[in-house]
Amino acid sequence: SQLAERSGVPATPLRFYEGAGPLPADRTPSGHRIHGEEAVERLA
C-alpha cells in the first residue's frame, strides 16, 4: 500500500507485476509483501 502511494501505481498491478516477474518482493514473517526504496525507480 505504501509502494502504491509512493509510485502512483495501484496495488493490483503491483501484485500482478510481482507474479509476472518484473517486481520481486520480499515477505514479512506474516506474509505481507515488502519492497525496498529501489522498487519505486524499478516501477517507473
PDB file of all heavy atoms in Angstrom:
ATOM      1  N   SER A   1       0.837  -1.211   0.000  1.00  0.00           N
ATOM      2  CA  SER A   1       0.000   0.000   0.000  1.00  0.00           C
ATOM      3  C   SER A   1       0.871   1.259   0.000  1.00  0.00           C
ATOM      4  O   SER A   1       0.531   2.249  -0.655  1.00  0.00           O
ATOM      5  CB  SER A   1      -0.941   0.009   1.204  1.00  0.00           C
ATOM      6  OG  SER A   1      -0.202  -0.017   2.412  1.00  0.00           O
ATOM      7  N   GLN A   2       1.982   1.215   0.720  1.00  0.00           N
ATOM      8  CA  GLN A   2       2.891   2.360   0.751  1.00  0.00           C
ATOM      9  C   GLN A   2       3.569   2.541  -0.606  1.00  0.00           C
ATOM     10  O   GLN A   2       3.733   3.661  -1.084  1.00  0.00           O
ATOM     11  CB  GLN A   2       3.934   2.176   1.846  1.00  0.00           C
ATOM     12  CG  GLN A   2       3.341   2.167   3.240  1.00  0.00           C
ATOM     13  CD  GLN A   2       4.322   1.644   4.267  1.00  0.00           C
ATOM     14  OE1 GLN A   2       4.950   0.601   4.072  1.00  0.00           O
ATOM     15  NE2 GLN A   2       4.450   2.373   5.367  1.00  0.00           N
ATOM     16  N   LEU A   3       3.973   1.423  -1.228  1.00  0.00           N
ATOM     17  CA  LEU A   3       4.590   1.488  -2.552  1.00  0.00           C
ATOM     18  C   LEU A   3       3.597   2.037  -3.569  1.00  0.00           C
ATOM     19  O   LEU A   3       3.952   2.852  -4.419  1.00  0.00           O
ATOM     20  CB  LEU A   3       5.109   0.118  -2.974  1.00  0.00           C
ATOM     21  CG  LEU A   3       5.751   0.038  -4.351  1.00  0.00           C
ATOM     22  CD1 LEU A   3       6.933   0.995  -4.475  1.00  0.00           C
ATOM     23  CD2 LEU A   3       6.194  -1.400  -4.646  1.00  0.00           C
ATOM     24  N   ALA A   4       2.353   1.603  -3.476  1.00  0.00           N
ATOM     25  CA  ALA A   4       1.318   2.099  -4.391  1.00  0.00           C
ATOM     26  C   ALA A   4       1.158   3.611  -4.240  1.00  0.00           C
ATOM     27  O   ALA A   4       1.078   4.338  -5.232  1.00  0.00           O
ATOM     28  CB  ALA A   4      -0.004   1.391  -4.115  1.00  0.00           C
ATOM     29  N   GLU A   5       1.149   4.075  -3.018  1.00  0.00           N
ATOM     30  CA  GLU A   5       1.010   5.512  -2.774  1.00  0.00           C
ATOM     31  C   GLU A   5       2.215   6.289  -3.294  1.00  0.00           C
ATOM     32  O   GLU A   5       2.062   7.317  -3.955  1.00  0.00           O
ATOM     33  CB  GLU A   5       0.848   5.756  -1.272  1.00  0.00           C
ATOM     34  CG  GLU A   5       0.560   7.197  -0.923  1.00  0.00           C
ATOM     35  CD  GLU A   5       0.336   7.377   0.565  1.00  0.00           C
ATOM     36  OE1 GLU A   5      -0.406   6.575   1.161  1.00  0.00           O
ATOM     37  OE2 GLU A   5       0.927   8.317   1.121  1.00  0.00           O
ATOM     38  N   ARG A   6       3.417   5.781  -3.054  1.00  0.00           N
ATOM     39  CA  ARG A   6       4.640   6.473  -3.490  1.00  0.00           C
ATOM     40  C   ARG A   6       4.794   6.478  -4.996  1.00  0.00           C
ATOM     41  O   ARG A   6       5.285   7.440  -5.579  1.00  0.00           O
ATOM     42  CB  ARG A   6       5.887   5.803  -2.883  1.00  0.00           C
ATOM     43  CG  ARG A   6       6.042   5.962  -1.415  1.00  0.00           C
ATOM     44  CD  ARG A   6       7.087   6.960  -0.952  1.00  0.00           C
ATOM     45  NE  ARG A   6       8.241   7.177  -1.735  1.00  0.00           N
ATOM     46  CZ  ARG A   6       9.439   6.622  -1.535  1.00  0.00           C
ATOM     47  NH1 ARG A   6       9.618   5.770  -0.550  1.00  0.00           N
ATOM     48  NH2 ARG A   6      10.453   6.937  -2.300  1.00  0.00           N
ATOM     49  N   SER A   7       4.403   5.392  -5.646  1.00  0.00           N
ATOM     50  CA  SER A   7       4.639   5.251  -7.090  1.00  0.00           C
ATOM     51  C   SER A   7       3.480   5.729  -7.941  1.00  0.00           C
ATOM     52  O   SER A   7       3.657   5.986  -9.132  1.00  0.00           O
ATOM     53  CB  SER A   7       4.933   3.794  -7.418  1.00  0.00           C
ATOM     54  OG  SER A   7       3.777   2.990  -7.209  1.00  0.00           O
ATOM     55  N   GLY A   8       2.288   5.782  -7.367  1.00  0.00           N
ATOM     56  CA  GLY A   8       1.111   6.128  -8.154  1.00  0.00           C
ATOM     57  C   GLY A   8       0.545   4.951  -8.929  1.00  0.00           C
ATOM     58  O   GLY A   8      -0.367   5.105  -9.733  1.00  0.00           O
ATOM     59  N   VAL A   9       1.094   3.765  -8.719  1.00  0.00           N
ATOM     60  CA  VAL A   9       0.613   2.547  -9.375  1.00  0.00           C
ATOM     61  C   VAL A   9      -0.255   1.800  -8.366  1.00  0.00           C
ATOM     62  O   VAL A   9       0.199   1.518  -7.256  1.00  0.00           O
ATOM     63  CB  VAL A   9       1.789   1.655  -9.840  1.00  0.00           C
ATOM     64  CG1 VAL A   9       1.274   0.376 -10.468  1.00  0.00           C
ATOM     65  CG2 VAL A   9       2.686   2.412 -10.799  1.00  0.00           C
ATOM     66  N   PRO A  10      -1.504   1.482  -8.705  1.00  0.00           N
ATOM     67  CA  PRO A  10      -2.380   0.784  -7.755  1.00  0.00           C
ATOM     68  C   PRO A  10      -1.815  -0.569  -7.317  1.00  0.00           C
ATOM     69  O   PRO A  10      -0.996  -1.181  -8.005  1.00  0.00           O
ATOM     70  CB  PRO A  10      -3.684   0.591  -8.537  1.00  0.00           C
ATOM     71  CG  PRO A  10      -3.633   1.616  -9.617  1.00  0.00           C
ATOM     72  CD  PRO A  10      -2.176   1.796  -9.957  1.00  0.00           C
ATOM     73  N   ALA A  11      -2.274  -1.046  -6.165  1.00  0.00           N
ATOM     74  CA  ALA A  11      -1.763  -2.290  -5.584  1.00  0.00           C
ATOM     75  C   ALA A  11      -2.027  -3.506  -6.474  1.00  0.00           C
ATOM     76  O   ALA A  11      -1.196  -4.414  -6.536  1.00  0.00           O
ATOM     77  CB  ALA A  11      -2.368  -2.502  -4.196  1.00  0.00           C
ATOM     78  N   THR A  12      -3.158  -3.533  -7.179  1.00  0.00           N
ATOM     79  CA  THR A  12      -3.473  -4.708  -8.012  1.00  0.00           C
ATOM     80  C   THR A  12      -2.414  -4.945  -9.087  1.00  0.00           C
ATOM     81  O   THR A  12      -1.911  -6.075  -9.210  1.00  0.00           O
ATOM     82  CB  THR A  12      -4.880  -4.574  -8.624  1.00  0.00           C
ATOM     83  OG1 THR A  12      -5.825  -4.472  -7.558  1.00  0.00           O
ATOM     84  CG2 THR A  12      -5.219  -5.776  -9.488  1.00  0.00           C
ATOM     85  N   PRO A  13      -2.023  -3.925  -9.883  1.00  0.00           N
ATOM     86  CA  PRO A  13      -0.937  -4.165 -10.843  1.00  0.00           C
ATOM     87  C   PRO A  13       0.391  -4.522 -10.154  1.00  0.00           C
ATOM     88  O   PRO A  13       1.158  -5.315 -10.692  1.00  0.00           O
ATOM     89  CB  PRO A  13      -0.813  -2.845 -11.602  1.00  0.00           C
ATOM     90  CG  PRO A  13      -2.092  -2.142 -11.400  1.00  0.00           C
ATOM     91  CD  PRO A  13      -2.618  -2.601 -10.080  1.00  0.00           C
ATOM     92  N   LEU A  14       0.633  -3.971  -8.976  1.00  0.00           N
ATOM     93  CA  LEU A  14       1.871  -4.308  -8.273  1.00  0.00           C
ATOM     94  C   LEU A  14       1.915  -5.802  -7.959  1.00  0.00           C
ATOM     95  O   LEU A  14       2.952  -6.449  -8.136  1.00  0.00           O
ATOM     96  CB  LEU A  14       2.005  -3.496  -6.983  1.00  0.00           C
ATOM     97  CG  LEU A  14       2.118  -1.985  -7.143  1.00  0.00           C
ATOM     98  CD1 LEU A  14       2.223  -1.313  -5.781  1.00  0.00           C
ATOM     99  CD2 LEU A  14       3.275  -1.606  -8.029  1.00  0.00           C
ATOM    100  N   ARG A  15       0.796  -6.338  -7.513  1.00  0.00           N
ATOM    101  CA  ARG A  15       0.738  -7.781  -7.226  1.00  0.00           C
ATOM    102  C   ARG A  15       0.939  -8.584  -8.520  1.00  0.00           C
ATOM    103  O   ARG A  15       1.617  -9.606  -8.535  1.00  0.00           O
ATOM    104  CB  ARG A  15      -0.596  -8.131  -6.585  1.00  0.00           C
ATOM    105  CG  ARG A  15      -0.735  -7.620  -5.178  1.00  0.00           C
ATOM    106  CD  ARG A  15      -2.078  -8.074  -4.558  1.00  0.00           C
ATOM    107  NE  ARG A  15      -2.291  -7.381  -3.309  1.00  0.00           N
ATOM    108  CZ  ARG A  15      -3.039  -6.284  -3.172  1.00  0.00           C
ATOM    109  NH1 ARG A  15      -3.680  -5.766  -4.219  1.00  0.00           N
ATOM    110  NH2 ARG A  15      -3.177  -5.711  -2.002  1.00  0.00           N
ATOM    111  N   PHE A  16       0.324  -8.097  -9.596  1.00  0.00           N
ATOM    112  CA  PHE A  16       0.481  -8.780 -10.888  1.00  0.00           C
ATOM    113  C   PHE A  16       1.938  -8.740 -11.337  1.00  0.00           C
ATOM    114  O   PHE A  16       2.479  -9.745 -11.797  1.00  0.00           O
ATOM    115  CB  PHE A  16      -0.432  -8.125 -11.929  1.00  0.00           C
ATOM    116  CG  PHE A  16      -0.332  -8.775 -13.281  1.00  0.00           C
ATOM    117  CD1 PHE A  16      -0.919 -10.006 -13.513  1.00  0.00           C
ATOM    118  CD2 PHE A  16       0.366  -8.162 -14.299  1.00  0.00           C
ATOM    119  CE1 PHE A  16      -0.822 -10.613 -14.756  1.00  0.00           C
ATOM    120  CE2 PHE A  16       0.464  -8.766 -15.550  1.00  0.00           C
ATOM    121  CZ  PHE A  16      -0.130  -9.989 -15.772  1.00  0.00           C
ATOM    122  N   TYR A  17       2.588  -7.580 -11.221  1.00  0.00           N
ATOM    123  CA  TYR A  17       3.992  -7.453 -11.611  1.00  0.00           C
ATOM    124  C   TYR A  17       4.874  -8.398 -10.800  1.00  0.00           C
ATOM    125  O   TYR A  17       5.829  -8.958 -11.315  1.00  0.00           O
ATOM    126  CB  TYR A  17       4.496  -6.021 -11.432  1.00  0.00           C
ATOM    127  CG  TYR A  17       3.874  -4.994 -12.338  1.00  0.00           C
ATOM    128  CD1 TYR A  17       4.001  -3.643 -12.043  1.00  0.00           C
ATOM    129  CD2 TYR A  17       3.157  -5.335 -13.476  1.00  0.00           C
ATOM    130  CE1 TYR A  17       3.442  -2.668 -12.866  1.00  0.00           C
ATOM    131  CE2 TYR A  17       2.594  -4.383 -14.290  1.00  0.00           C
ATOM    132  CZ  TYR A  17       2.735  -3.051 -13.981  1.00  0.00           C
ATOM    133  OH  TYR A  17       2.180  -2.101 -14.792  1.00  0.00           O
ATOM    134  N   GLU A  18       4.546  -8.558  -9.539  1.00  0.00           N
ATOM    135  CA  GLU A  18       5.324  -9.485  -8.718  1.00  0.00           C
ATOM    136  C   GLU A  18       5.178 -10.910  -9.253  1.00  0.00           C
ATOM    137  O   GLU A  18       6.166 -11.619  -9.443  1.00  0.00           O
ATOM    138  CB  GLU A  18       4.878  -9.440  -7.259  1.00  0.00           C
ATOM    139  CG  GLU A  18       5.662 -10.411  -6.397  1.00  0.00           C
ATOM    140  CD  GLU A  18       5.100 -10.605  -5.009  1.00  0.00           C
ATOM    141  OE1 GLU A  18       4.116  -9.941  -4.641  1.00  0.00           O
ATOM    142  OE2 GLU A  18       5.657 -11.461  -4.297  1.00  0.00           O
ATOM    143  N   GLY A  19       3.964 -11.311  -9.535  1.00  0.00           N
ATOM    144  CA  GLY A  19       3.725 -12.661 -10.035  1.00  0.00           C
ATOM    145  C   GLY A  19       4.335 -12.904 -11.407  1.00  0.00           C
ATOM    146  O   GLY A  19       4.815 -14.002 -11.697  1.00  0.00           O
ATOM    147  N   ALA A  20       4.345 -11.870 -12.247  1.00  0.00           N
ATOM    148  CA  ALA A  20       4.882 -12.000 -13.606  1.00  0.00           C
ATOM    149  C   ALA A  20       6.397 -11.876 -13.653  1.00  0.00           C
ATOM    150  O   ALA A  20       7.010 -12.207 -14.662  1.00  0.00           O
ATOM    151  CB  ALA A  20       4.252 -10.949 -14.516  1.00  0.00           C
ATOM    152  N   GLY A  21       7.005 -11.361 -12.602  1.00  0.00           N
ATOM    153  CA  GLY A  21       8.464 -11.334 -12.562  1.00  0.00           C
ATOM    154  C   GLY A  21       9.180  -9.998 -12.474  1.00  0.00           C
ATOM    155  O   GLY A  21      10.241  -9.935 -11.885  1.00  0.00           O
ATOM    156  N   PRO A  22       8.652  -8.903 -13.051  1.00  0.00           N
ATOM    157  CA  PRO A  22       9.477  -7.699 -13.066  1.00  0.00           C
ATOM    158  C   PRO A  22       9.560  -6.932 -11.744  1.00  0.00           C
ATOM    159  O   PRO A  22      10.382  -6.047 -11.604  1.00  0.00           O
ATOM    160  CB  PRO A  22       8.847  -6.822 -14.140  1.00  0.00           C
ATOM    161  CG  PRO A  22       7.467  -7.310 -14.295  1.00  0.00           C
ATOM    162  CD  PRO A  22       7.474  -8.753 -13.896  1.00  0.00           C
ATOM    163  N   LEU A  23       8.733  -7.283 -10.749  1.00  0.00           N
ATOM    164  CA  LEU A  23       8.781  -6.572  -9.473  1.00  0.00           C
ATOM    165  C   LEU A  23       8.857  -7.576  -8.324  1.00  0.00           C
ATOM    166  O   LEU A  23       7.856  -7.936  -7.713  1.00  0.00           O
ATOM    167  CB  LEU A  23       7.545  -5.674  -9.304  1.00  0.00           C
ATOM    168  CG  LEU A  23       7.548  -4.793  -8.063  1.00  0.00           C
ATOM    169  CD1 LEU A  23       8.650  -3.740  -8.149  1.00  0.00           C
ATOM    170  CD2 LEU A  23       6.198  -4.130  -7.873  1.00  0.00           C
ATOM    171  N   PRO A  24      10.064  -8.038  -8.011  1.00  0.00           N
ATOM    172  CA  PRO A  24      10.179  -9.000  -6.914  1.00  0.00           C
ATOM    173  C   PRO A  24       9.843  -8.343  -5.573  1.00  0.00           C
ATOM    174  O   PRO A  24      10.004  -7.138  -5.408  1.00  0.00           O
ATOM    175  CB  PRO A  24      11.645  -9.428  -6.970  1.00  0.00           C
ATOM    176  CG  PRO A  24      12.343  -8.335  -7.687  1.00  0.00           C
ATOM    177  CD  PRO A  24      11.345  -7.701  -8.604  1.00  0.00           C
ATOM    178  N   ALA A  25       9.362  -9.146  -4.655  1.00  0.00           N
ATOM    179  CA  ALA A  25       9.035  -8.655  -3.313  1.00  0.00           C
ATOM    180  C   ALA A  25       9.524  -9.658  -2.287  1.00  0.00           C
ATOM    181  O   ALA A  25       9.539 -10.865  -2.544  1.00  0.00           O
ATOM    182  CB  ALA A  25       7.536  -8.450  -3.174  1.00  0.00           C
ATOM    183  N   ASP A  26       9.924  -9.138  -1.157  1.00  0.00           N
ATOM    184  CA  ASP A  26      10.213  -9.991  -0.012  1.00  0.00           C
ATOM    185  C   ASP A  26       8.912 -10.129   0.768  1.00  0.00           C
ATOM    186  O   ASP A  26       7.928  -9.448   0.486  1.00  0.00           O
ATOM    187  CB  ASP A  26      11.295  -9.353   0.872  1.00  0.00           C
ATOM    188  CG  ASP A  26      12.645  -9.304   0.175  1.00  0.00           C
ATOM    189  OD1 ASP A  26      12.943 -10.220  -0.624  1.00  0.00           O
ATOM    190  OD2 ASP A  26      13.393  -8.339   0.414  1.00  0.00           O
ATOM    191  N   ARG A  27       8.919 -10.998   1.733  1.00  0.00           N
ATOM    192  CA  ARG A  27       7.735 -11.203   2.567  1.00  0.00           C
ATOM    193  C   ARG A  27       8.118 -11.072   4.029  1.00  0.00           C
ATOM    194  O   ARG A  27       9.207 -11.459   4.444  1.00  0.00           O
ATOM    195  CB  ARG A  27       7.139 -12.602   2.341  1.00  0.00           C
ATOM    196  CG  ARG A  27       6.644 -12.873   0.942  1.00  0.00           C
ATOM    197  CD  ARG A  27       5.308 -12.256   0.729  1.00  0.00           C
ATOM    198  NE  ARG A  27       4.825 -12.539  -0.626  1.00  0.00           N
ATOM    199  CZ  ARG A  27       3.562 -12.593  -0.928  1.00  0.00           C
ATOM    200  NH1 ARG A  27       2.643 -12.419  -0.015  1.00  0.00           N
ATOM    201  NH2 ARG A  27       3.199 -12.817  -2.167  1.00  0.00           N
ATOM    202  N   THR A  28       7.194 -10.513   4.792  1.00  0.00           N
ATOM    203  CA  THR A  28       7.373 -10.467   6.244  1.00  0.00           C
ATOM    204  C   THR A  28       7.051 -11.856   6.786  1.00  0.00           C
ATOM    205  O   THR A  28       6.465 -12.684   6.072  1.00  0.00           O
ATOM    206  CB  THR A  28       6.426  -9.430   6.885  1.00  0.00           C
ATOM    207  OG1 THR A  28       5.081  -9.870   6.701  1.00  0.00           O
ATOM    208  CG2 THR A  28       6.639  -8.045   6.306  1.00  0.00           C
ATOM    209  N   PRO A  29       7.397 -12.129   8.035  1.00  0.00           N
ATOM    210  CA  PRO A  29       7.022 -13.428   8.612  1.00  0.00           C
ATOM    211  C   PRO A  29       5.517 -13.695   8.561  1.00  0.00           C
ATOM    212  O   PRO A  29       5.083 -14.833   8.478  1.00  0.00           O
ATOM    213  CB  PRO A  29       7.516 -13.333  10.057  1.00  0.00           C
ATOM    214  CG  PRO A  29       8.663 -12.363   9.987  1.00  0.00           C
ATOM    215  CD  PRO A  29       8.248 -11.359   8.935  1.00  0.00           C
ATOM    216  N   SER A  30       4.716 -12.622   8.558  1.00  0.00           N
ATOM    217  CA  SER A  30       3.265 -12.798   8.489  1.00  0.00           C
ATOM    218  C   SER A  30       2.743 -12.874   7.053  1.00  0.00           C
ATOM    219  O   SER A  30       1.550 -12.983   6.821  1.00  0.00           O
ATOM    220  CB  SER A  30       2.558 -11.668   9.239  1.00  0.00           C
ATOM    221  OG  SER A  30       2.894 -10.424   8.669  1.00  0.00           O
ATOM    222  N   GLY A  31       3.657 -12.788   6.055  1.00  0.00           N
ATOM    223  CA  GLY A  31       3.266 -12.966   4.660  1.00  0.00           C
ATOM    224  C   GLY A  31       2.997 -11.698   3.884  1.00  0.00           C
ATOM    225  O   GLY A  31       2.663 -11.758   2.706  1.00  0.00           O
ATOM    226  N   HIS A  32       3.123 -10.524   4.508  1.00  0.00           N
ATOM    227  CA  HIS A  32       2.912  -9.268   3.775  1.00  0.00           C
ATOM    228  C   HIS A  32       4.068  -9.012   2.827  1.00  0.00           C
ATOM    229  O   HIS A  32       5.223  -9.275   3.156  1.00  0.00           O
ATOM    230  CB  HIS A  32       2.798  -8.084   4.751  1.00  0.00           C
ATOM    231  CG  HIS A  32       1.567  -8.122   5.571  1.00  0.00           C
ATOM    232  ND1 HIS A  32       1.563  -8.524   6.883  1.00  0.00           N
ATOM    233  CD2 HIS A  32       0.286  -7.808   5.258  1.00  0.00           C
ATOM    234  CE1 HIS A  32       0.334  -8.450   7.356  1.00  0.00           C
ATOM    235  NE2 HIS A  32      -0.460  -8.027   6.384  1.00  0.00           N
ATOM    236  N   ARG A  33       3.740  -8.478   1.650  1.00  0.00           N
ATOM    237  CA  ARG A  33       4.777  -8.102   0.694  1.00  0.00           C
ATOM    238  C   ARG A  33       5.494  -6.861   1.216  1.00  0.00           C
ATOM    239  O   ARG A  33       4.849  -5.931   1.690  1.00  0.00           O
ATOM    240  CB  ARG A  33       4.159  -7.754  -0.662  1.00  0.00           C
ATOM    241  CG  ARG A  33       3.556  -8.903  -1.394  1.00  0.00           C
ATOM    242  CD  ARG A  33       2.789  -8.369  -2.614  1.00  0.00           C
ATOM    243  NE  ARG A  33       2.248  -9.450  -3.397  1.00  0.00           N
ATOM    244  CZ  ARG A  33       1.082 -10.037  -3.171  1.00  0.00           C
ATOM    245  NH1 ARG A  33       0.315  -9.630  -2.185  1.00  0.00           N
ATOM    246  NH2 ARG A  33       0.658 -11.025  -3.934  1.00  0.00           N
ATOM    247  N   ILE A  34       6.820  -6.850   1.062  1.00  0.00           N
ATOM    248  CA  ILE A  34       7.576  -5.652   1.405  1.00  0.00           C
ATOM    249  C   ILE A  34       8.572  -5.376   0.285  1.00  0.00           C
ATOM    250  O   ILE A  34       9.103  -6.280  -0.349  1.00  0.00           O
ATOM    251  CB  ILE A  34       8.299  -5.758   2.764  1.00  0.00           C
ATOM    252  CG1 ILE A  34       9.159  -7.018   2.854  1.00  0.00           C
ATOM    253  CG2 ILE A  34       7.318  -5.670   3.918  1.00  0.00           C
ATOM    254  CD1 ILE A  34      10.035  -7.085   4.081  1.00  0.00           C
ATOM    255  N   HIS A  35       8.772  -4.086   0.050  1.00  0.00           N
ATOM    256  CA  HIS A  35       9.649  -3.639  -1.028  1.00  0.00           C
ATOM    257  C   HIS A  35      10.615  -2.600  -0.482  1.00  0.00           C
ATOM    258  O   HIS A  35      10.276  -1.832   0.410  1.00  0.00           O
ATOM    259  CB  HIS A  35       8.828  -2.990  -2.158  1.00  0.00           C
ATOM    260  CG  HIS A  35       7.851  -3.912  -2.792  1.00  0.00           C
ATOM    261  ND1 HIS A  35       8.180  -4.724  -3.845  1.00  0.00           N
ATOM    262  CD2 HIS A  35       6.552  -4.163  -2.522  1.00  0.00           C
ATOM    263  CE1 HIS A  35       7.122  -5.425  -4.198  1.00  0.00           C
ATOM    264  NE2 HIS A  35       6.124  -5.107  -3.403  1.00  0.00           N
ATOM    265  N   GLY A  36      11.798  -2.559  -1.067  1.00  0.00           N
ATOM    266  CA  GLY A  36      12.772  -1.542  -0.720  1.00  0.00           C
ATOM    267  C   GLY A  36      12.555  -0.285  -1.543  1.00  0.00           C
ATOM    268  O   GLY A  36      11.706  -0.242  -2.442  1.00  0.00           O
ATOM    269  N   GLU A  37      13.335   0.731  -1.241  1.00  0.00           N
ATOM    270  CA  GLU A  37      13.234   2.011  -1.960  1.00  0.00           C
ATOM    271  C   GLU A  37      13.472   1.854  -3.459  1.00  0.00           C
ATOM    272  O   GLU A  37      12.912   2.594  -4.256  1.00  0.00           O
ATOM    273  CB  GLU A  37      14.246   3.015  -1.389  1.00  0.00           C
ATOM    274  CG  GLU A  37      13.919   3.490   0.001  1.00  0.00           C
ATOM    275  CD  GLU A  37      12.680   4.361   0.048  1.00  0.00           C
ATOM    276  OE1 GLU A  37      12.427   5.118  -0.918  1.00  0.00           O
ATOM    277  OE2 GLU A  37      11.952   4.277   1.051  1.00  0.00           O
ATOM    278  N   GLU A  38      14.293   0.892  -3.855  1.00  0.00           N
ATOM    279  CA  GLU A  38      14.601   0.704  -5.273  1.00  0.00           C
ATOM    280  C   GLU A  38      13.365   0.318  -6.088  1.00  0.00           C
ATOM    281  O   GLU A  38      13.334   0.484  -7.307  1.00  0.00           O
ATOM    282  CB  GLU A  38      15.693  -0.352  -5.452  1.00  0.00           C
ATOM    283  CG  GLU A  38      15.262  -1.782  -5.201  1.00  0.00           C
ATOM    284  CD  GLU A  38      15.139  -2.193  -3.729  1.00  0.00           C
ATOM    285  OE1 GLU A  38      15.548  -1.414  -2.843  1.00  0.00           O
ATOM    286  OE2 GLU A  38      14.610  -3.286  -3.472  1.00  0.00           O
ATOM    287  N   ALA A  39      12.322  -0.161  -5.420  1.00  0.00           N
ATOM    288  CA  ALA A  39      11.104  -0.570  -6.121  1.00  0.00           C
ATOM    289  C   ALA A  39      10.408   0.619  -6.788  1.00  0.00           C
ATOM    290  O   ALA A  39       9.781   0.458  -7.841  1.00  0.00           O
ATOM    291  CB  ALA A  39      10.145  -1.264  -5.165  1.00  0.00           C
ATOM    292  N   VAL A  40      10.528   1.811  -6.215  1.00  0.00           N
ATOM    293  CA  VAL A  40       9.894   2.996  -6.814  1.00  0.00           C
ATOM    294  C   VAL A  40      10.525   3.286  -8.171  1.00  0.00           C
ATOM    295  O   VAL A  40       9.820   3.497  -9.167  1.00  0.00           O
ATOM    296  CB  VAL A  40      10.009   4.216  -5.869  1.00  0.00           C
ATOM    297  CG1 VAL A  40       9.438   5.464  -6.530  1.00  0.00           C
ATOM    298  CG2 VAL A  40       9.315   3.941  -4.546  1.00  0.00           C
ATOM    299  N   GLU A  41      11.848   3.268  -8.235  1.00  0.00           N
ATOM    300  CA  GLU A  41      12.541   3.511  -9.510  1.00  0.00           C
ATOM    301  C   GLU A  41      12.284   2.371 -10.490  1.00  0.00           C
ATOM    302  O   GLU A  41      12.082   2.593 -11.678  1.00  0.00           O
ATOM    303  CB  GLU A  41      14.042   3.665  -9.251  1.00  0.00           C
ATOM    304  CG  GLU A  41      14.816   4.076 -10.472  1.00  0.00           C
ATOM    305  CD  GLU A  41      16.284   4.308 -10.184  1.00  0.00           C
ATOM    306  OE1 GLU A  41      16.692   4.323  -9.012  1.00  0.00           O
ATOM    307  OE2 GLU A  41      17.034   4.456 -11.160  1.00  0.00           O
ATOM    308  N   ARG A  42      12.268   1.156  -9.996  1.00  0.00           N
ATOM    309  CA  ARG A  42      12.001  -0.004 -10.845  1.00  0.00           C
ATOM    310  C   ARG A  42      10.604   0.103 -11.465  1.00  0.00           C
ATOM    311  O   ARG A  42      10.416  -0.182 -12.642  1.00  0.00           O
ATOM    312  CB  ARG A  42      12.145  -1.270 -10.013  1.00  0.00           C
ATOM    313  CG  ARG A  42      12.081  -2.547 -10.797  1.00  0.00           C
ATOM    314  CD  ARG A  42      12.319  -3.740  -9.867  1.00  0.00           C
ATOM    315  NE  ARG A  42      12.422  -4.951 -10.602  1.00  0.00           N
ATOM    316  CZ  ARG A  42      13.532  -5.478 -11.072  1.00  0.00           C
ATOM    317  NH1 ARG A  42      14.681  -4.883 -10.850  1.00  0.00           N
ATOM    318  NH2 ARG A  42      13.527  -6.599 -11.747  1.00  0.00           N
ATOM    319  N   LEU A  43       9.633   0.524 -10.672  1.00  0.00           N
ATOM    320  CA  LEU A  43       8.271   0.697 -11.188  1.00  0.00           C
ATOM    321  C   LEU A  43       8.207   1.778 -12.251  1.00  0.00           C
ATOM    322  O   LEU A  43       7.488   1.625 -13.240  1.00  0.00           O
ATOM    323  CB  LEU A  43       7.320   1.056 -10.053  1.00  0.00           C
ATOM    324  CG  LEU A  43       6.663  -0.128  -9.379  1.00  0.00           C
ATOM    325  CD1 LEU A  43       5.902   0.319  -8.146  1.00  0.00           C
ATOM    326  CD2 LEU A  43       5.751  -0.855 -10.339  1.00  0.00           C
ATOM    327  N   ALA A  44       8.940   2.858 -12.059  1.00  0.00           N
ATOM    328  CA  ALA A  44       8.966   3.914 -13.073  1.00  0.00           C
ATOM    329  C   ALA A  44       9.495   3.359 -14.386  1.00  0.00           C
ATOM    330  O   ALA A  44       8.963   3.654 -15.466  1.00  0.00           O
ATOM    331  CB  ALA A  44       9.816   5.086 -12.597  1.00  0.00           C
TER     332      ALA A  44
END
